Amino acid sequence: MITVALPKGSLLKDSIAIFQSVGLDFSAFLDPASRQLQITDPTGVAQALLVRAQDVSVYVEYGQAQLGIVGEDVLREKMPKVARLLDLGFGKCRMSIAVSNQSPYRSALDLPPHSRIASKSVRIAREYFQSLDLPVEIIPLYGSVELGPITGMSEAIVDLVSTGRTLKENGLVEIEVLFESTARLIAHPLSYRVNSDRLSDLVNKLKITAAN
């Protein structure tokens, strides 16, 4: 039986929809009264695990799931050993640098050396500033990153931005976009290569659906 890792949060509804389009129904996860973390599709062809978005690639890399859906931002941050199969096109957002709207800095290169940058995406932030040859201090934050500049703990943040509403409501402004992120279909490399449980058939159906 194929096991799929589905991400909690903003990608879940669209992730379930794309599997429904190829005949697999994991919509029980959308029931607000449900506390299930593992369900089997009514056809018995596949089962799904409901996990934190940051953990999807871990389940796939270690073979507890053959397929998973995860944001490009997570893949760039965690660099998992998985097969990256398909850009699914939904969950569009961007990884950006933002500062207080009172800040004099309006581009990454305006930031002075040894500035403090708050971010959940520590690897992404570090590698980006290294590419600019700009030494900075990365402060890992896993809650409300926006508080970094508000409290004066950091000069800037590196964070995912969708509509930009949260930044605006907290007096922040984007000054640089590092990359665009969308949901990606990933697979366990060995399972995909040997086509266990006819995995490639399912992937081909998903590719057709995503293309339309």
Protein backbone atom coordinates (compact mmCIF):
# COMPACT_ATOMS: atom_id res chain seq x y z
CA MET A 1 0.00 0.00 0.00
CA ILE A 2 1.27 3.47 -0.91
CA THR A 3 1.71 5.85 2.02
CA VAL A 4 1.43 9.60 1.45
CA ALA A 5 2.62 12.30 3.88
CA LEU A 6 0.26 15.29 3.82
CA PRO A 7 1.12 18.66 5.39
CA LYS A 8 -0.97 20.24 8.10
CA GLY A 9 -1.85 23.87 7.54
CA SER A 10 -2.32 25.97 4.44
CA LEU A 11 -1.35 23.28 1.90
CA LEU A 12 -3.66 20.56 3.23
CA LYS A 13 -6.89 21.39 1.43
CA ASP A 14 -5.27 21.64 -2.02
CA SER A 15 -3.14 18.55 -1.32
CA ILE A 16 -6.26 16.51 -0.58
CA ALA A 17 -7.97 17.92 -3.67
CA ILE A 18 -5.21 16.83 -6.04
CA PHE A 19 -5.28 13.29 -4.67
CA GLN A 20 -9.07 13.27 -4.97
CA SER A 21 -8.62 14.13 -8.64
CA VAL A 22 -6.78 10.83 -9.16
CA GLY A 23 -9.26 8.76 -7.15
CA LEU A 24 -7.78 8.84 -3.64
CA ASP A 25 -9.92 10.32 -0.89
CA PHE A 26 -8.21 11.61 2.24
CA SER A 27 -10.85 14.27 2.95
CA ALA A 28 -11.54 12.84 6.44
CA PHE A 29 -8.56 14.95 7.53
CA LEU A 30 -10.66 18.06 6.83
CA ASP A 31 -13.26 17.13 9.46
CA PRO A 32 -12.61 19.60 12.31
CA ALA A 33 -13.85 17.03 14.83
CA SER A 34 -11.36 14.40 13.68
CA ARG A 35 -8.13 13.76 15.56
CA GLN A 36 -6.92 11.02 13.22
CA LEU A 37 -3.31 11.25 12.07
CA GLN A 38 -3.46 8.24 9.72
CA ILE A 39 -6.30 7.23 7.42
CA THR A 40 -6.77 4.77 4.58
CA ASP A 41 -8.41 5.73 1.30
CA PRO A 42 -11.80 3.96 0.89
CA THR A 43 -10.44 2.05 -2.13
CA GLY A 44 -7.69 0.54 0.03
CA VAL A 45 -5.03 1.60 -2.48
CA ALA A 46 -3.25 4.12 -0.27
CA GLN A 47 -3.04 5.56 3.22
CA ALA A 48 -2.10 9.07 4.33
CA LEU A 49 -0.24 10.50 7.31
CA LEU A 50 -1.07 13.98 8.58
CA VAL A 51 2.16 15.64 9.72
CA ARG A 52 3.69 19.07 10.27
CA ALA A 53 4.74 20.64 6.98
CA GLN A 54 8.38 20.71 8.15
CA ASP A 55 8.25 16.95 8.81
CA VAL A 56 6.84 15.75 5.47
CA SER A 57 10.26 15.37 3.86
CA VAL A 58 11.55 13.49 6.93
CA TYR A 59 8.84 10.83 6.62
CA VAL A 60 9.58 10.50 2.91
CA GLU A 61 13.36 10.46 3.27
CA TYR A 62 13.23 7.69 5.87
CA GLY A 63 10.74 5.62 3.90
CA GLN A 64 7.70 5.84 6.20
CA ALA A 65 5.94 7.52 3.28
CA GLN A 66 6.55 6.92 -0.43
CA LEU A 67 5.09 10.28 -1.49
CA GLY A 68 4.70 13.67 0.13
CA ILE A 69 3.64 17.22 -0.58
CA VAL A 70 5.80 20.01 0.79
CA GLY A 71 6.68 23.63 0.06
CA GLU A 72 9.80 24.48 -1.91
CA ASP A 73 10.88 26.60 1.05
CA VAL A 74 11.02 23.50 3.29
CA LEU A 75 13.05 21.60 0.70
CA ARG A 76 15.58 24.41 0.45
CA GLU A 77 15.85 24.70 4.21
CA LYS A 78 16.11 21.00 5.08
CA MET A 79 17.85 19.70 1.90
CA PRO A 80 16.38 16.19 2.32
CA LYS A 81 17.48 13.18 0.27
CA VAL A 82 14.25 12.78 -1.67
CA ALA A 83 13.22 12.63 -5.32
CA ARG A 84 11.74 15.97 -6.36
CA LEU A 85 9.08 15.08 -8.92
CA LEU A 86 6.67 17.88 -9.63
CA ASP A 87 5.77 21.52 -9.05
CA LEU A 88 2.08 21.30 -8.13
CA GLY A 89 1.52 25.03 -8.62
CA PHE A 90 -0.51 25.78 -5.51
CA GLY A 91 0.54 27.27 -2.17
CA LYS A 92 2.25 30.21 -3.85
CA CYS A 93 4.28 32.42 -1.56
CA ARG A 94 7.73 33.99 -1.48
CA MET A 95 10.73 33.99 0.81
CA SER A 96 11.48 37.61 1.52
CA ILE A 97 13.57 39.97 3.58
CA ALA A 98 11.53 42.52 5.50
CA VAL A 99 12.39 45.44 7.77
CA SER A 100 10.47 47.97 9.83
CA ASN A 101 8.85 50.58 7.63
CA GLN A 102 10.80 53.10 9.72
CA SER A 103 14.09 51.47 8.72
CA PRO A 104 16.46 53.33 6.39
CA TYR A 105 17.35 50.05 4.63
CA ARG A 106 15.58 49.35 1.35
CA SER A 107 17.63 46.46 -0.06
CA ALA A 108 19.64 43.59 1.36
CA LEU A 109 22.88 45.28 0.43
CA ASP A 110 21.84 48.38 2.42
CA LEU A 111 22.07 46.35 5.62
CA PRO A 112 25.30 47.03 7.52
CA PRO A 113 27.77 44.21 8.23
CA HIS A 114 26.95 42.13 11.32
CA SER A 115 23.27 43.06 11.24
CA ARG A 116 20.99 40.69 13.12
CA ILE A 117 18.52 38.76 10.97
CA ALA A 118 15.65 36.82 12.60
CA SER A 119 14.33 33.78 10.73
CA LYS A 120 12.75 30.34 10.97
CA SER A 121 14.67 29.48 7.78
CA VAL A 122 18.19 29.62 9.19
CA ARG A 123 19.96 27.78 6.34
CA ILE A 124 18.22 29.81 3.65
CA ALA A 125 19.01 33.11 5.37
CA ARG A 126 22.63 32.19 6.06
CA GLU A 127 23.30 30.99 2.51
CA TYR A 128 21.67 34.05 0.98
CA PHE A 129 23.76 36.53 2.92
CA GLN A 130 26.87 34.45 2.32
CA SER A 131 26.13 34.75 -1.42
CA LEU A 132 26.18 38.53 -0.96
CA ASP A 133 29.44 38.28 1.00
CA LEU A 134 27.66 40.18 3.77
CA PRO A 135 28.43 38.92 7.30
CA VAL A 136 25.30 38.87 9.48
CA GLU A 137 24.13 37.20 12.68
CA ILE A 138 21.19 34.84 12.12
CA ILE A 139 18.81 34.64 15.09
CA PRO A 140 16.63 31.49 14.98
CA LEU A 141 12.99 32.26 15.85
CA TYR A 142 10.14 29.80 15.44
CA GLY A 143 7.19 31.88 16.57
CA SER A 144 6.27 35.38 15.47
CA VAL A 145 9.37 36.37 13.52
CA GLU A 146 7.85 39.80 12.88
CA LEU A 147 8.59 40.73 16.49
CA GLY A 148 12.32 40.81 15.70
CA PRO A 149 12.36 44.29 14.13
CA ILE A 150 9.41 45.47 16.26
CA THR A 151 11.32 44.87 19.50
CA GLY A 152 14.66 45.94 18.06
CA MET A 153 16.17 42.47 18.44
CA SER A 154 16.92 42.31 14.72
CA GLU A 155 17.37 44.74 11.86
CA ALA A 156 15.49 42.47 9.45
CA ILE A 157 13.72 39.15 9.06
CA VAL A 158 13.78 36.42 6.43
CA ASP A 159 10.33 34.83 6.26
CA LEU A 160 7.63 33.45 4.01
CA VAL A 161 5.20 36.03 2.68
CA SER A 162 1.86 35.20 1.11
CA THR A 163 -0.40 38.25 0.89
CA GLY A 164 1.86 40.60 2.84
CA ARG A 165 -0.99 41.45 5.21
CA THR A 166 0.82 40.28 8.35
CA LEU A 167 3.85 42.40 7.50
CA LYS A 168 1.71 45.46 6.84
CA GLU A 169 -0.30 45.07 10.03
CA ASN A 170 2.94 44.90 12.01
CA GLY A 171 4.61 47.88 10.39
CA LEU A 172 7.03 45.91 8.22
CA VAL A 173 7.90 46.20 4.54
CA GLU A 174 9.51 43.77 2.08
CA ILE A 175 12.83 44.89 0.67
CA GLU A 176 13.99 41.76 -1.18
CA VAL A 177 12.50 38.55 -2.58
CA LEU A 178 14.87 35.56 -2.36
CA PHE A 179 12.70 33.09 -4.30
CA GLU A 180 9.13 32.04 -5.04
CA SER A 181 7.80 28.91 -3.34
CA THR A 182 5.01 26.50 -4.35
CA ALA A 183 3.93 23.02 -3.25
CA ARG A 184 6.10 20.17 -4.56
CA LEU A 185 5.47 16.44 -4.93
CA ILE A 186 8.37 14.43 -3.53
CA ALA A 187 9.07 10.70 -3.35
CA HIS A 188 11.27 8.23 -1.52
CA PRO A 189 14.05 7.66 -4.13
CA LEU A 190 14.27 3.86 -3.88
CA SER A 191 10.50 3.32 -3.82
CA TYR A 192 10.11 5.51 -6.89
CA ARG A 193 12.99 3.86 -8.74
CA VAL A 194 11.71 0.31 -8.21
CA ASN A 195 8.08 1.42 -8.71
CA SER A 196 6.88 -0.22 -5.51
CA ASP A 197 3.08 -0.57 -5.33
CA ARG A 198 2.87 0.88 -8.88
CA LEU A 199 4.00 4.22 -7.53
CA SER A 200 4.96 5.63 -10.94
CA ASP A 201 1.42 5.04 -12.21
CA LEU A 202 0.06 7.28 -9.46
CA VAL A 203 2.75 9.89 -10.07
CA ASN A 204 1.94 9.98 -13.80
CA LYS A 205 -1.74 10.58 -13.01
CA LEU A 206 -0.78 13.42 -10.67
CA LYS A 207 1.43 14.96 -13.37
CA ILE A 208 -1.47 14.95 -15.82
CA THR A 209 -3.79 16.53 -13.26
CA ALA A 210 -1.26 19.21 -12.30
CA ALA A 211 -0.68 20.09 -15.94
CA ASN A 212 -4.37 20.78 -16.54
